[in-house]
Amino acid sequence: MEIKFNNSKLELKVREVKGLGIIRGLMFRRRENAPILLFNLRADLHSFFVFFSFLVLWLNEKNEVIDWKVTKPFSFRINSKTKYSKIVEIPISRRYNSEVTFIVGKRFKKKLNY
């Protein structure tokens, strides 16, 4: 899947989540083995039983990033005030360092804690 952010493009290898997988998301997964997840839904998220920080991207129908947030474990409500059509969750780990840095920038690298 290709996403667009600040006039740049990034190719992500995502796992589309459907059915009961929507409920599980990143819960009970290990940081280094967790995949990038794509949700085609318009609902608030939570990070109960997610034991690592992750990056949430809210996308419009053209796969443009319209909002993003670094989310900490056990957050109650994660939402965007902008209108969106898809959500992507990227685990903050060494495995996805380049993807996270593409969105967040290098200045946050020390704060991301992996």
PDB file of N, CA and C in Angstrom:
ATOM      1  N   MET A   1       0.850  -1.170   0.000  1.00  0.00           N
ATOM      2  CA  MET A   1       0.000   0.000   0.000  1.00  0.00           C
ATOM      3  C   MET A   1       0.894   1.231   0.000  1.00  0.00           C
ATOM      4  N   GLU A   2       0.562   2.186  -0.831  1.00  0.00           N
ATOM      5  CA  GLU A   2       1.329   3.425  -0.892  1.00  0.00           C
ATOM      6  C   GLU A   2       0.567   4.535  -0.165  1.00  0.00           C
ATOM      7  N   ILE A   3       1.264   5.228   0.746  1.00  0.00           N
ATOM      8  CA  ILE A   3       0.653   6.366   1.431  1.00  0.00           C
ATOM      9  C   ILE A   3       1.405   7.631   1.044  1.00  0.00           C
ATOM     10  N   LYS A   4       0.722   8.758   1.201  1.00  0.00           N
ATOM     11  CA  LYS A   4       1.316  10.052   0.869  1.00  0.00           C
ATOM     12  C   LYS A   4       1.332  10.921   2.116  1.00  0.00           C
ATOM     13  N   PHE A   5       2.485  11.604   2.316  1.00  0.00           N
ATOM     14  CA  PHE A   5       2.630  12.480   3.471  1.00  0.00           C
ATOM     15  C   PHE A   5       3.591  13.601   3.101  1.00  0.00           C
ATOM     16  N   ASN A   6       3.155  14.845   3.246  1.00  0.00           N
ATOM     17  CA  ASN A   6       3.991  16.017   2.938  1.00  0.00           C
ATOM     18  C   ASN A   6       4.632  15.930   1.551  1.00  0.00           C
ATOM     19  N   ASN A   7       3.835  15.651   0.550  1.00  0.00           N
ATOM     20  CA  ASN A   7       4.288  15.566  -0.848  1.00  0.00           C
ATOM     21  C   ASN A   7       5.323  14.472  -1.091  1.00  0.00           C
ATOM     22  N   SER A   8       5.402  13.485  -0.221  1.00  0.00           N
ATOM     23  CA  SER A   8       6.285  12.329  -0.401  1.00  0.00           C
ATOM     24  C   SER A   8       5.443  11.066  -0.330  1.00  0.00           C
ATOM     25  N   LYS A   9       5.974   9.988  -0.891  1.00  0.00           N
ATOM     26  CA  LYS A   9       5.258   8.717  -0.901  1.00  0.00           C
ATOM     27  C   LYS A   9       6.065   7.664  -0.155  1.00  0.00           C
ATOM     28  N   LEU A  10       5.346   6.750   0.486  1.00  0.00           N
ATOM     29  CA  LEU A  10       5.971   5.656   1.223  1.00  0.00           C
ATOM     30  C   LEU A  10       5.186   4.383   0.953  1.00  0.00           C
ATOM     31  N   GLU A  11       5.889   3.323   0.611  1.00  0.00           N
ATOM     32  CA  GLU A  11       5.264   2.025   0.387  1.00  0.00           C
ATOM     33  C   GLU A  11       5.275   1.248   1.706  1.00  0.00           C
ATOM     34  N   LEU A  12       4.097   0.826   2.155  1.00  0.00           N
ATOM     35  CA  LEU A  12       3.967   0.054   3.390  1.00  0.00           C
ATOM     36  C   LEU A  12       3.455  -1.342   3.072  1.00  0.00           C
ATOM     37  N   LYS A  13       4.022  -2.333   3.721  1.00  0.00           N
ATOM     38  CA  LYS A  13       3.506  -3.691   3.620  1.00  0.00           C
ATOM     39  C   LYS A  13       2.543  -3.870   4.794  1.00  0.00           C
ATOM     40  N   VAL A  14       1.258  -3.795   4.511  1.00  0.00           N
ATOM     41  CA  VAL A  14       0.250  -3.813   5.571  1.00  0.00           C
ATOM     42  C   VAL A  14      -0.514  -5.129   5.564  1.00  0.00           C
ATOM     43  N   ARG A  15      -1.073  -5.439   6.716  1.00  0.00           N
ATOM     44  CA  ARG A  15      -2.001  -6.561   6.843  1.00  0.00           C
ATOM     45  C   ARG A  15      -3.383  -5.956   7.075  1.00  0.00           C
ATOM     46  N   GLU A  16      -4.283  -6.169   6.119  1.00  0.00           N
ATOM     47  CA  GLU A  16      -5.637  -5.630   6.266  1.00  0.00           C
ATOM     48  C   GLU A  16      -6.387  -6.459   7.298  1.00  0.00           C
ATOM     49  N   VAL A  17      -7.027  -5.777   8.228  1.00  0.00           N
ATOM     50  CA  VAL A  17      -7.703  -6.440   9.334  1.00  0.00           C
ATOM     51  C   VAL A  17      -9.207  -6.444   9.077  1.00  0.00           C
ATOM     52  N   LYS A  18      -9.802  -7.630   9.196  1.00  0.00           N
ATOM     53  CA  LYS A  18     -11.245  -7.784   8.984  1.00  0.00           C
ATOM     54  C   LYS A  18     -11.809  -8.682  10.079  1.00  0.00           C
ATOM     55  N   GLY A  19     -13.100  -8.676  10.207  1.00  0.00           N
ATOM     56  CA  GLY A  19     -13.782  -9.572  11.136  1.00  0.00           C
ATOM     57  C   GLY A  19     -13.356  -9.375  12.579  1.00  0.00           C
ATOM     58  N   LEU A  20     -13.126 -10.478  13.277  1.00  0.00           N
ATOM     59  CA  LEU A  20     -12.748 -10.417  14.688  1.00  0.00           C
ATOM     60  C   LEU A  20     -11.347  -9.855  14.901  1.00  0.00           C
ATOM     61  N   GLY A  21     -10.538  -9.830  13.867  1.00  0.00           N
ATOM     62  CA  GLY A  21      -9.206  -9.244  13.960  1.00  0.00           C
ATOM     63  C   GLY A  21      -9.250  -7.772  14.309  1.00  0.00           C
ATOM     64  N   ILE A  22     -10.357  -7.111  13.979  1.00  0.00           N
ATOM     65  CA  ILE A  22     -10.526  -5.691  14.306  1.00  0.00           C
ATOM     66  C   ILE A  22     -10.492  -5.497  15.817  1.00  0.00           C
ATOM     67  N   ILE A  23     -11.059  -6.429  16.541  1.00  0.00           N
ATOM     68  CA  ILE A  23     -11.084  -6.322  18.004  1.00  0.00           C
ATOM     69  C   ILE A  23      -9.679  -6.511  18.576  1.00  0.00           C
ATOM     70  N   ARG A  24      -8.918  -7.452  18.040  1.00  0.00           N
ATOM     71  CA  ARG A  24      -7.587  -7.751  18.582  1.00  0.00           C
ATOM     72  C   ARG A  24      -6.559  -6.695  18.217  1.00  0.00           C
ATOM     73  N   GLY A  25      -6.476  -6.316  16.959  1.00  0.00           N
ATOM     74  CA  GLY A  25      -5.486  -5.325  16.541  1.00  0.00           C
ATOM     75  C   GLY A  25      -4.086  -5.710  16.980  1.00  0.00           C
ATOM     76  N   LEU A  26      -3.410  -4.826  17.706  1.00  0.00           N
ATOM     77  CA  LEU A  26      -2.048  -5.086  18.193  1.00  0.00           C
ATOM     78  C   LEU A  26      -2.020  -5.678  19.605  1.00  0.00           C
ATOM     79  N   MET A  27      -3.189  -5.950  20.182  1.00  0.00           N
ATOM     80  CA  MET A  27      -3.227  -6.471  21.550  1.00  0.00           C
ATOM     81  C   MET A  27      -2.516  -7.823  21.653  1.00  0.00           C
ATOM     82  N   PHE A  28      -1.781  -7.998  22.740  1.00  0.00           N
ATOM     83  CA  PHE A  28      -1.096  -9.244  23.091  1.00  0.00           C
ATOM     84  C   PHE A  28      -0.032  -9.662  22.072  1.00  0.00           C
ATOM     85  N   ARG A  29       0.456  -8.742  21.277  1.00  0.00           N
ATOM     86  CA  ARG A  29       1.512  -9.055  20.312  1.00  0.00           C
ATOM     87  C   ARG A  29       2.850  -8.562  20.849  1.00  0.00           C
ATOM     88  N   ARG A  30       3.924  -9.149  20.359  1.00  0.00           N
ATOM     89  CA  ARG A  30       5.265  -8.692  20.709  1.00  0.00           C
ATOM     90  C   ARG A  30       5.672  -7.578  19.766  1.00  0.00           C
ATOM     91  N   ARG A  31       6.390  -6.627  20.291  1.00  0.00           N
ATOM     92  CA  ARG A  31       6.797  -5.450  19.523  1.00  0.00           C
ATOM     93  C   ARG A  31       7.492  -5.827  18.212  1.00  0.00           C
ATOM     94  N   GLU A  32       8.485  -6.709  18.261  1.00  0.00           N
ATOM     95  CA  GLU A  32       9.284  -7.018  17.072  1.00  0.00           C
ATOM     96  C   GLU A  32       8.544  -7.875  16.048  1.00  0.00           C
ATOM     97  N   ASN A  33       7.516  -8.601  16.462  1.00  0.00           N
ATOM     98  CA  ASN A  33       6.774  -9.460  15.534  1.00  0.00           C
ATOM     99  C   ASN A  33       5.470  -8.839  15.053  1.00  0.00           C
ATOM    100  N   ALA A  34       5.084  -7.727  15.619  1.00  0.00           N
ATOM    101  CA  ALA A  34       3.799  -7.116  15.280  1.00  0.00           C
ATOM    102  C   ALA A  34       3.835  -6.548  13.861  1.00  0.00           C
ATOM    103  N   PRO A  35       2.799  -6.818  13.063  1.00  0.00           N
ATOM    104  CA  PRO A  35       2.748  -6.289  11.698  1.00  0.00           C
ATOM    105  C   PRO A  35       2.155  -4.883  11.662  1.00  0.00           C
ATOM    106  N   ILE A  36       2.290  -4.229  10.522  1.00  0.00           N
ATOM    107  CA  ILE A  36       1.584  -2.966  10.284  1.00  0.00           C
ATOM    108  C   ILE A  36       0.155  -3.344   9.913  1.00  0.00           C
ATOM    109  N   LEU A  37      -0.808  -2.754  10.597  1.00  0.00           N
ATOM    110  CA  LEU A  37      -2.208  -3.118  10.390  1.00  0.00           C
ATOM    111  C   LEU A  37      -2.982  -2.004   9.707  1.00  0.00           C
ATOM    112  N   LEU A  38      -3.889  -2.392   8.805  1.00  0.00           N
ATOM    113  CA  LEU A  38      -4.772  -1.469   8.107  1.00  0.00           C
ATOM    114  C   LEU A  38      -6.206  -1.784   8.492  1.00  0.00           C
ATOM    115  N   PHE A  39      -6.926  -0.774   8.967  1.00  0.00           N
ATOM    116  CA  PHE A  39      -8.331  -0.907   9.330  1.00  0.00           C
ATOM    117  C   PHE A  39      -9.167  -0.016   8.418  1.00  0.00           C
ATOM    118  N   ASN A  40     -10.201  -0.578   7.815  1.00  0.00           N
ATOM    119  CA  ASN A  40     -11.140   0.214   7.021  1.00  0.00           C
ATOM    120  C   ASN A  40     -12.357   0.505   7.888  1.00  0.00           C
ATOM    121  N   LEU A  41     -12.175   1.345   8.875  1.00  0.00           N
ATOM    122  CA  LEU A  41     -13.271   1.678   9.779  1.00  0.00           C
ATOM    123  C   LEU A  41     -13.132   3.108  10.263  1.00  0.00           C
ATOM    124  N   ARG A  42     -14.215   3.600  10.806  1.00  0.00           N
ATOM    125  CA  ARG A  42     -14.237   4.969  11.329  1.00  0.00           C
ATOM    126  C   ARG A  42     -14.688   4.927  12.789  1.00  0.00           C
ATOM    127  N   ALA A  43     -13.810   4.453  13.639  1.00  0.00           N
ATOM    128  CA  ALA A  43     -14.145   4.338  15.058  1.00  0.00           C
ATOM    129  C   ALA A  43     -12.931   4.730  15.888  1.00  0.00           C
ATOM    130  N   ASP A  44     -13.172   5.063  17.147  1.00  0.00           N
ATOM    131  CA  ASP A  44     -12.074   5.364  18.059  1.00  0.00           C
ATOM    132  C   ASP A  44     -11.309   4.081  18.379  1.00  0.00           C
ATOM    133  N   LEU A  45     -10.058   4.252  18.729  1.00  0.00           N
ATOM    134  CA  LEU A  45      -9.198   3.129  19.089  1.00  0.00           C
ATOM    135  C   LEU A  45      -8.877   3.167  20.571  1.00  0.00           C
ATOM    136  N   HIS A  46      -8.284   2.096  21.063  1.00  0.00           N
ATOM    137  CA  HIS A  46      -7.706   2.059  22.407  1.00  0.00           C
ATOM    138  C   HIS A  46      -6.434   1.233  22.317  1.00  0.00           C
ATOM    139  N   SER A  47      -5.610   1.301  23.347  1.00  0.00           N
ATOM    140  CA  SER A  47      -4.391   0.488  23.347  1.00  0.00           C
ATOM    141  C   SER A  47      -4.301  -0.372  24.606  1.00  0.00           C
ATOM    142  N   PHE A  48      -5.459  -0.842  25.090  1.00  0.00           N
ATOM    143  CA  PHE A  48      -5.454  -1.777  26.210  1.00  0.00           C
ATOM    144  C   PHE A  48      -4.750  -3.058  25.775  1.00  0.00           C
ATOM    145  N   PHE A  49      -3.894  -3.580  26.610  1.00  0.00           N
ATOM    146  CA  PHE A  49      -3.151  -4.813  26.372  1.00  0.00           C
ATOM    147  C   PHE A  49      -2.221  -4.734  25.159  1.00  0.00           C
ATOM    148  N   VAL A  50      -1.863  -3.523  24.760  1.00  0.00           N
ATOM    149  CA  VAL A  50      -0.775  -3.312  23.803  1.00  0.00           C
ATOM    150  C   VAL A  50       0.387  -2.823  24.660  1.00  0.00           C
ATOM    151  N   PHE A  51       1.473  -3.575  24.691  1.00  0.00           N
ATOM    152  CA  PHE A  51       2.549  -3.328  25.640  1.00  0.00           C
ATOM    153  C   PHE A  51       3.699  -2.506  25.073  1.00  0.00           C
ATOM    154  N   PHE A  52       3.465  -1.806  23.972  1.00  0.00           N
ATOM    155  CA  PHE A  52       4.485  -0.970  23.341  1.00  0.00           C
ATOM    156  C   PHE A  52       3.801   0.213  22.664  1.00  0.00           C
ATOM    157  N   SER A  53       4.569   1.260  22.426  1.00  0.00           N
ATOM    158  CA  SER A  53       4.034   2.429  21.724  1.00  0.00           C
ATOM    159  C   SER A  53       3.889   2.108  20.242  1.00  0.00           C
ATOM    160  N   PHE A  54       2.941   2.779  19.603  1.00  0.00           N
ATOM    161  CA  PHE A  54       2.768   2.607  18.166  1.00  0.00           C
ATOM    162  C   PHE A  54       2.284   3.912  17.553  1.00  0.00           C
ATOM    163  N   LEU A  55       2.466   4.010  16.259  1.00  0.00           N
ATOM    164  CA  LEU A  55       2.088   5.195  15.497  1.00  0.00           C
ATOM    165  C   LEU A  55       0.755   4.922  14.817  1.00  0.00           C
ATOM    166  N   VAL A  56      -0.199   5.822  15.008  1.00  0.00           N
ATOM    167  CA  VAL A  56      -1.498   5.712  14.348  1.00  0.00           C
ATOM    168  C   VAL A  56      -1.549   6.749  13.234  1.00  0.00           C
ATOM    169  N   LEU A  57      -1.908   6.299  12.036  1.00  0.00           N
ATOM    170  CA  LEU A  57      -2.091   7.193  10.896  1.00  0.00           C
ATOM    171  C   LEU A  57      -3.550   7.165  10.490  1.00  0.00           C
ATOM    172  N   TRP A  58      -4.129   8.326  10.333  1.00  0.00           N
ATOM    173  CA  TRP A  58      -5.481   8.432   9.811  1.00  0.00           C
ATOM    174  C   TRP A  58      -5.360   8.875   8.358  1.00  0.00           C
ATOM    175  N   LEU A  59      -5.958   8.111   7.447  1.00  0.00           N
ATOM    176  CA  LEU A  59      -5.841   8.364   6.016  1.00  0.00           C
ATOM    177  C   LEU A  59      -7.188   8.745   5.415  1.00  0.00           C
ATOM    178  N   ASN A  60      -7.129   9.542   4.344  1.00  0.00           N
ATOM    179  CA  ASN A  60      -8.350   9.815   3.593  1.00  0.00           C
ATOM    180  C   ASN A  60      -8.495   8.756   2.500  1.00  0.00           C
ATOM    181  N   GLU A  61      -9.494   8.906   1.648  1.00  0.00           N
ATOM    182  CA  GLU A  61      -9.750   7.904   0.610  1.00  0.00           C
ATOM    183  C   GLU A  61      -8.645   7.831  -0.448  1.00  0.00           C
ATOM    184  N   LYS A  62      -7.780   8.843  -0.517  1.00  0.00           N
ATOM    185  CA  LYS A  62      -6.657   8.846  -1.466  1.00  0.00           C
ATOM    186  C   LYS A  62      -5.361   8.352  -0.817  1.00  0.00           C
ATOM    187  N   ASN A  63      -5.454   7.776   0.365  1.00  0.00           N
ATOM    188  CA  ASN A  63      -4.307   7.279   1.146  1.00  0.00           C
ATOM    189  C   ASN A  63      -3.322   8.376   1.524  1.00  0.00           C
ATOM    190  N   GLU A  64      -3.824   9.569   1.729  1.00  0.00           N
ATOM    191  CA  GLU A  64      -3.005  10.676   2.217  1.00  0.00           C
ATOM    192  C   GLU A  64      -3.134  10.736   3.734  1.00  0.00           C
ATOM    193  N   VAL A  65      -2.011  10.898   4.419  1.00  0.00           N
ATOM    194  CA  VAL A  65      -2.036  11.009   5.879  1.00  0.00           C
ATOM    195  C   VAL A  65      -2.621  12.372   6.233  1.00  0.00           C
ATOM    196  N   ILE A  66      -3.755  12.359   6.926  1.00  0.00           N
ATOM    197  CA  ILE A  66      -4.384  13.622   7.310  1.00  0.00           C
ATOM    198  C   ILE A  66      -4.185  13.928   8.791  1.00  0.00           C
ATOM    199  N   ASP A  67      -3.776  12.911   9.561  1.00  0.00           N
ATOM    200  CA  ASP A  67      -3.482  13.099  10.979  1.00  0.00           C
ATOM    201  C   ASP A  67      -2.648  11.908  11.440  1.00  0.00           C
ATOM    202  N   TRP A  68      -1.844  12.097  12.473  1.00  0.00           N
ATOM    203  CA  TRP A  68      -1.061  11.011  13.053  1.00  0.00           C
ATOM    204  C   TRP A  68      -0.831  11.280  14.524  1.00  0.00           C
ATOM    205  N   LYS A  69      -0.539  10.197  15.251  1.00  0.00           N
ATOM    206  CA  LYS A  69      -0.297  10.331  16.686  1.00  0.00           C
ATOM    207  C   LYS A  69       0.540   9.148  17.172  1.00  0.00           C
ATOM    208  N   VAL A  70       1.534   9.431  17.999  1.00  0.00           N
ATOM    209  CA  VAL A  70       2.278   8.376  18.685  1.00  0.00           C
ATOM    210  C   VAL A  70       1.465   8.018  19.925  1.00  0.00           C
ATOM    211  N   THR A  71       1.099   6.750  20.039  1.00  0.00           N
ATOM    212  CA  THR A  71       0.215   6.286  21.101  1.00  0.00           C
ATOM    213  C   THR A  71       0.976   5.422  22.090  1.00  0.00           C
ATOM    214  N   LYS A  72       0.756   5.671  23.353  1.00  0.00           N
ATOM    215  CA  LYS A  72       1.404   4.900  24.421  1.00  0.00           C
ATOM    216  C   LYS A  72       0.524   3.717  24.818  1.00  0.00           C
ATOM    217  N   PRO A  73       1.122   2.708  25.444  1.00  0.00           N
ATOM    218  CA  PRO A  73       0.340   1.553  25.892  1.00  0.00           C
ATOM    219  C   PRO A  73      -0.758   1.955  26.880  1.00  0.00           C
ATOM    220  N   PHE A  74      -1.841   1.208  26.851  1.00  0.00           N
ATOM    221  CA  PHE A  74      -2.968   1.342  27.772  1.00  0.00           C
ATOM    222  C   PHE A  74      -3.626   2.726  27.733  1.00  0.00           C
ATOM    223  N   SER A  75      -3.709   3.303  26.550  1.00  0.00           N
ATOM    224  CA  SER A  75      -4.451   4.561  26.378  1.00  0.00           C
ATOM    225  C   SER A  75      -5.925   4.231  26.176  1.00  0.00           C
ATOM    226  N   PHE A  76      -6.779   5.012  26.813  1.00  0.00           N
ATOM    227  CA  PHE A  76      -8.213   4.717  26.801  1.00  0.00           C
ATOM    228  C   PHE A  76      -8.873   5.051  25.473  1.00  0.00           C
ATOM    229  N   ARG A  77      -8.655   6.248  24.970  1.00  0.00           N
ATOM    230  CA  ARG A  77      -9.351   6.681  23.754  1.00  0.00           C
ATOM    231  C   ARG A  77      -8.366   7.372  22.818  1.00  0.00           C
ATOM    232  N   ILE A  78      -8.281   6.858  21.601  1.00  0.00           N
ATOM    233  CA  ILE A  78      -7.395   7.421  20.587  1.00  0.00           C
ATOM    234  C   ILE A  78      -8.271   7.788  19.402  1.00  0.00           C
ATOM    235  N   ASN A  79      -8.327   9.064  19.091  1.00  0.00           N
ATOM    236  CA  ASN A  79      -9.171   9.470  17.974  1.00  0.00           C
ATOM    237  C   ASN A  79      -8.572  10.654  17.238  1.00  0.00           C
ATOM    238  N   SER A  80      -9.158  10.952  16.102  1.00  0.00           N
ATOM    239  CA  SER A  80      -8.752  12.091  15.289  1.00  0.00           C
ATOM    240  C   SER A  80      -9.946  13.018  15.141  1.00  0.00           C
ATOM    241  N   LYS A  81      -9.675  14.295  15.129  1.00  0.00           N
ATOM    242  CA  LYS A  81     -10.757  15.267  14.961  1.00  0.00           C
ATOM    243  C   LYS A  81     -11.064  15.520  13.493  1.00  0.00           C
ATOM    244  N   THR A  82     -10.226  14.976  12.605  1.00  0.00           N
ATOM    245  CA  THR A  82     -10.452  15.148  11.177  1.00  0.00           C
ATOM    246  C   THR A  82     -11.229  13.955  10.624  1.00  0.00           C
ATOM    247  N   LYS A  83     -11.868  14.151   9.489  1.00  0.00           N
ATOM    248  CA  LYS A  83     -12.647  13.100   8.848  1.00  0.00           C
ATOM    249  C   LYS A  83     -11.688  12.173   8.093  1.00  0.00           C
ATOM    250  N   TYR A  84     -11.815  10.882   8.289  1.00  0.00           N
ATOM    251  CA  TYR A  84     -10.896   9.916   7.693  1.00  0.00           C
ATOM    252  C   TYR A  84     -11.657   8.695   7.203  1.00  0.00           C
ATOM    253  N   SER A  85     -10.976   7.858   6.402  1.00  0.00           N
ATOM    254  CA  SER A  85     -11.622   6.640   5.912  1.00  0.00           C
ATOM    255  C   SER A  85     -10.867   5.364   6.292  1.00  0.00           C
ATOM    256  N   LYS A  86      -9.579   5.480   6.643  1.00  0.00           N
ATOM    257  CA  LYS A  86      -8.772   4.312   7.008  1.00  0.00           C
ATOM    258  C   LYS A  86      -7.846   4.663   8.164  1.00  0.00           C
ATOM    259  N   ILE A  87      -7.445   3.627   8.889  1.00  0.00           N
ATOM    260  CA  ILE A  87      -6.492   3.785   9.985  1.00  0.00           C
ATOM    261  C   ILE A  87      -5.356   2.787   9.770  1.00  0.00           C
ATOM    262  N   VAL A  88      -4.128   3.239   9.979  1.00  0.00           N
ATOM    263  CA  VAL A  88      -2.961   2.362   9.918  1.00  0.00           C
ATOM    264  C   VAL A  88      -2.257   2.432  11.268  1.00  0.00           C
ATOM    265  N   GLU A  89      -1.927   1.269  11.826  1.00  0.00           N
ATOM    266  CA  GLU A  89      -1.163   1.190  13.071  1.00  0.00           C
ATOM    267  C   GLU A  89       0.221   0.636  12.759  1.00  0.00           C
ATOM    268  N   ILE A  90       1.252   1.409  13.106  1.00  0.00           N
ATOM    269  CA  ILE A  90       2.635   0.987  12.864  1.00  0.00           C
ATOM    270  C   ILE A  90       3.336   0.829  14.214  1.00  0.00           C
ATOM    271  N   PRO A  91       3.741  -0.390  14.574  1.00  0.00           N
ATOM    272  CA  PRO A  91       4.472  -0.578  15.830  1.00  0.00           C
ATOM    273  C   PRO A  91       5.782   0.208  15.815  1.00  0.00           C
ATOM    274  N   ILE A  92       6.097   0.851  16.910  1.00  0.00           N
ATOM    275  CA  ILE A  92       7.366   1.573  17.005  1.00  0.00           C
ATOM    276  C   ILE A  92       8.418   0.565  17.446  1.00  0.00           C
ATOM    277  N   SER A  93       9.222   0.148  16.465  1.00  0.00           N
ATOM    278  CA  SER A  93      10.242  -0.872  16.699  1.00  0.00           C
ATOM    279  C   SER A  93      11.384  -0.668  15.718  1.00  0.00           C
ATOM    280  N   ARG A  94      12.461  -1.397  15.938  1.00  0.00           N
ATOM    281  CA  ARG A  94      13.599  -1.324  15.008  1.00  0.00           C
ATOM    282  C   ARG A  94      13.175  -1.759  13.609  1.00  0.00           C
ATOM    283  N   ARG A  95      12.294  -2.720  13.555  1.00  0.00           N
ATOM    284  CA  ARG A  95      11.812  -3.262  12.276  1.00  0.00           C
ATOM    285  C   ARG A  95      11.176  -2.189  11.398  1.00  0.00           C
ATOM    286  N   TYR A  96      10.451  -1.255  12.016  1.00  0.00           N
ATOM    287  CA  TYR A  96       9.743  -0.213  11.262  1.00  0.00           C
ATOM    288  C   TYR A  96      10.324   1.176  11.511  1.00  0.00           C
ATOM    289  N   ASN A  97      11.607   1.238  11.835  1.00  0.00           N
ATOM    290  CA  ASN A  97      12.252   2.511  12.125  1.00  0.00           C
ATOM    291  C   ASN A  97      12.125   3.497  10.966  1.00  0.00           C
ATOM    292  N   SER A  98      12.365   3.056   9.739  1.00  0.00           N
ATOM    293  CA  SER A  98      12.316   3.985   8.598  1.00  0.00           C
ATOM    294  C   SER A  98      10.898   4.484   8.345  1.00  0.00           C
ATOM    295  N   GLU A  99       9.899   3.640   8.535  1.00  0.00           N
ATOM    296  CA  GLU A  99       8.509   4.052   8.338  1.00  0.00           C
ATOM    297  C   GLU A  99       8.087   5.086   9.384  1.00  0.00           C
ATOM    298  N   VAL A 100       8.453   4.839  10.640  1.00  0.00           N
ATOM    299  CA  VAL A 100       8.103   5.771  11.715  1.00  0.00           C
ATOM    300  C   VAL A 100       8.836   7.090  11.529  1.00  0.00           C
ATOM    301  N   THR A 101      10.116   7.034  11.204  1.00  0.00           N
ATOM    302  CA  THR A 101      10.905   8.250  10.994  1.00  0.00           C
ATOM    303  C   THR A 101      10.371   9.061   9.820  1.00  0.00           C
ATOM    304  N   PHE A 102       9.861   8.403   8.790  1.00  0.00           N
ATOM    305  CA  PHE A 102       9.280   9.085   7.634  1.00  0.00           C
ATOM    306  C   PHE A 102       8.148  10.017   8.067  1.00  0.00           C
ATOM    307  N   ILE A 103       7.326   9.568   9.003  1.00  0.00           N
ATOM    308  CA  ILE A 103       6.179  10.358   9.470  1.00  0.00           C
ATOM    309  C   ILE A 103       6.579  11.302  10.594  1.00  0.00           C
ATOM    310  N   VAL A 104       7.205  10.779  11.622  1.00  0.00           N
ATOM    311  CA  VAL A 104       7.465  11.536  12.844  1.00  0.00           C
ATOM    312  C   VAL A 104       8.679  12.448  12.702  1.00  0.00           C
ATOM    313  N   GLY A 105       9.677  12.010  11.962  1.00  0.00           N
ATOM    314  CA  GLY A 105      10.905  12.784  11.809  1.00  0.00           C
ATOM    315  C   GLY A 105      11.968  12.303  12.772  1.00  0.00           C
ATOM    316  N   LYS A 106      13.200  12.630  12.498  1.00  0.00           N
ATOM    317  CA  LYS A 106      14.332  12.167  13.311  1.00  0.00           C
ATOM    318  C   LYS A 106      14.390  12.825  14.674  1.00  0.00           C
ATOM    319  N   ARG A 107      13.821  14.004  14.819  1.00  0.00           N
ATOM    320  CA  ARG A 107      13.928  14.718  16.098  1.00  0.00           C
ATOM    321  C   ARG A 107      13.242  13.985  17.242  1.00  0.00           C
ATOM    322  N   PHE A 108      12.337  13.064  16.938  1.00  0.00           N
ATOM    323  CA  PHE A 108      11.630  12.326  17.978  1.00  0.00           C
ATOM    324  C   PHE A 108      12.256  10.969  18.264  1.00  0.00           C
ATOM    325  N   LYS A 109      13.312  10.606  17.572  1.00  0.00           N
ATOM    326  CA  LYS A 109      13.863   9.256  17.676  1.00  0.00           C
ATOM    327  C   LYS A 109      14.191   8.854  19.111  1.00  0.00           C
ATOM    328  N   LYS A 110      14.785   9.750  19.885  1.00  0.00           N
ATOM    329  CA  LYS A 110      15.152   9.412  21.263  1.00  0.00           C
ATOM    330  C   LYS A 110      13.925   9.230  22.145  1.00  0.00           C
ATOM    331  N   LYS A 111      12.832   9.891  21.821  1.00  0.00           N
ATOM    332  CA  LYS A 111      11.622   9.796  22.630  1.00  0.00           C
ATOM    333  C   LYS A 111      10.812   8.539  22.330  1.00  0.00           C
ATOM    334  N   LEU A 112      11.061   7.875  21.197  1.00  0.00           N
ATOM    335  CA  LEU A 112      10.218   6.765  20.776  1.00  0.00           C
ATOM    336  C   LEU A 112      10.488   5.474  21.531  1.00  0.00           C
ATOM    337  N   ASN A 113      11.656   5.323  22.116  1.00  0.00           N
ATOM    338  CA  ASN A 113      11.908   4.237  23.065  1.00  0.00           C
ATOM    339  C   ASN A 113      11.701   2.830  22.520  1.00  0.00           C
ATOM    340  N   TYR A 114      12.548   2.369  21.654  1.00  0.00           N
ATOM    341  CA  TYR A 114      12.497   0.959  21.276  1.00  0.00           C
ATOM    342  C   TYR A 114      13.854   0.391  21.462  1.00  0.00           C
TER     343      TYR A 114
END
